Protein backbone atom coordinates (compact mmCIF):
# COMPACT_ATOMS: atom_id res chain seq x y z
CA MET A 1 33.99 -8.97 -6.15
CA LYS A 2 33.04 -11.25 -3.24
CA TYR A 3 31.08 -8.44 -1.59
CA PHE A 4 29.25 -7.67 -4.81
CA MET A 5 28.18 -11.32 -5.20
CA PHE A 6 27.10 -11.45 -1.55
CA PHE A 7 24.85 -8.39 -1.92
CA LEU A 8 23.52 -9.65 -5.23
CA LEU A 9 22.55 -12.99 -3.69
CA LEU A 10 21.09 -11.25 -0.66
CA SER A 11 18.88 -9.01 -2.80
CA VAL A 12 17.73 -11.93 -4.97
CA SER A 13 16.86 -14.02 -1.92
CA SER A 14 14.81 -11.20 -0.38
CA VAL A 15 12.82 -10.81 -3.61
CA ALA A 16 12.29 -14.57 -3.75
CA ASN A 17 10.71 -14.50 -0.26
CA ALA A 18 8.22 -11.77 -1.16
CA THR A 19 4.68 -12.72 -2.01
CA ASN A 20 1.83 -10.83 -3.66
CA LEU A 21 -0.86 -9.62 -1.31
CA TYR A 22 -4.09 -8.11 -2.64
CA CYS A 23 -6.17 -6.21 -0.08
CA ALA A 24 -9.64 -5.56 -1.46
CA GLY A 25 -12.82 -3.96 -0.23
CA LYS A 26 -14.09 -0.54 0.70
CA ILE A 27 -12.10 2.21 2.37
CA LYS A 28 -13.86 3.39 5.52
CA ASN A 29 -11.85 6.61 5.91
CA VAL A 30 -8.82 8.44 4.52
CA TYR A 31 -6.75 11.31 5.88
CA ILE A 32 -3.55 13.20 5.09
CA ASP A 33 -1.47 14.44 8.02
CA GLN A 34 0.71 17.54 8.16
CA GLU A 35 3.80 15.51 7.21
CA GLY A 36 2.06 14.47 3.96
CA SER A 37 1.30 10.84 4.86
CA VAL A 38 -1.83 9.47 3.17
CA ASN A 39 -3.49 6.99 5.54
CA ILE A 40 -6.43 4.73 4.79
CA LYS A 41 -8.61 2.52 6.93
CA GLY A 42 -9.69 -0.35 4.69
CA GLU A 43 -12.26 -2.99 5.54
CA TRP A 44 -9.46 -5.56 5.50
CA HIS A 45 -7.60 -3.99 8.44
CA ASN A 46 -8.73 -2.80 11.86
CA SER A 47 -6.34 0.17 11.88
CA TRP A 48 -4.77 2.82 9.67
CA THR A 49 -2.15 2.02 7.03
CA ARG A 50 -0.09 4.59 5.17
CA ILE A 51 -0.15 4.11 1.42
CA CYS A 52 2.30 6.90 0.54
CA ASN A 53 3.62 10.34 1.42
CA THR A 54 2.85 13.40 -0.72
CA LYS A 55 6.20 14.90 0.26
CA GLY A 56 8.12 11.70 -0.50
CA GLU A 57 9.98 10.40 -3.53
CA ASP A 58 6.98 10.14 -5.90
CA THR A 59 4.70 13.08 -5.18
CA VAL A 60 2.66 12.73 -8.38
CA THR A 61 1.70 9.09 -7.83
CA CYS A 62 0.96 9.72 -4.17
CA SER A 63 -1.28 12.67 -4.96
CA LEU A 64 -3.17 10.51 -7.44
CA TRP A 65 -3.55 7.70 -4.90
CA ALA A 66 -4.87 10.22 -2.35
CA SER A 67 -7.43 11.32 -4.93
CA TYR A 68 -8.37 7.71 -5.68
CA ALA A 69 -8.82 7.00 -1.96
CA ALA A 70 -11.00 10.08 -1.46
CA THR A 71 -13.09 9.17 -4.51
CA ALA A 72 -13.51 5.60 -3.25
CA VAL A 73 -14.70 6.83 0.15
CA LYS A 74 -17.02 9.47 -1.31
CA ASN A 75 -18.62 7.07 -3.80
CA ASN A 76 -18.45 3.94 -1.62
CA LEU A 77 -16.36 2.09 -4.22
CA ASN A 78 -14.34 -1.08 -3.84
CA VAL A 79 -10.57 -0.86 -4.22
CA THR A 80 -7.64 -3.24 -4.42
CA VAL A 81 -4.28 -2.33 -2.91
CA HIS A 82 -1.45 -4.60 -4.04
CA TYR A 83 1.59 -5.21 -1.84
CA GLN A 84 4.64 -7.41 -2.07
CA VAL A 85 5.28 -8.64 1.47
CA GLU A 86 7.12 -11.33 3.33
CA ASP A 87 5.53 -14.77 3.32
CA GLY A 88 2.85 -15.22 5.96
CA SER A 89 1.59 -11.64 5.97
CA THR A 90 -2.12 -11.01 5.55
CA CYS A 91 -4.13 -7.88 4.84
CA ALA A 92 -5.33 -7.88 8.45
CA SER A 93 -1.79 -8.17 9.84
CA LEU A 94 -0.08 -5.43 7.81
CA PRO A 95 1.94 -3.02 9.91
CA THR A 96 0.15 0.23 10.67
CA TYR A 97 0.73 3.90 9.92
CA TYR A 98 4.28 4.67 8.70
CA LYS A 99 5.43 1.06 9.22
CA ALA A 100 3.08 -0.20 6.50
CA PRO A 101 4.77 -1.44 3.31
CA LYS A 102 4.54 0.73 0.22
CA PRO A 103 1.88 -0.58 -2.18
CA HIS A 104 2.76 -1.51 -5.73
CA TYR A 105 -0.57 -0.23 -7.01
CA PHE A 106 -3.92 1.19 -5.94
CA MET A 107 -6.98 0.26 -8.05
CA ILE A 108 -10.55 1.57 -7.98
CA HIS A 109 -13.17 -0.92 -9.19
CA ASN A 110 -15.81 0.07 -11.69
CA PRO A 111 -19.17 -0.43 -9.93
CA GLY A 112 -20.90 -1.16 -13.24
CA LEU A 113 -18.85 -4.25 -13.99
């Protein structure tokens, strides 16, 4: 029982330290590598960040996000990528490539609004 309470408190404290981070702007480029990683280069970051992997745990969502990213690049649309990260992180300081945190959502903005 002690171990259960320890892990419960540990998980609650790690959630309590997370903060919402909204990275918004245009996506300069997007690519998918042979391992299935979908990588974007957003205006908010000077390097590539992986948003998901098409061969990972949620292939449907990842495929949709890849489509959203390609559409955003093709049509020069603004997007918002939402992350939950440790306090102090910024969009410009997110880890790159496979070390990037998994987004909670990927939004395309309607240019007419």
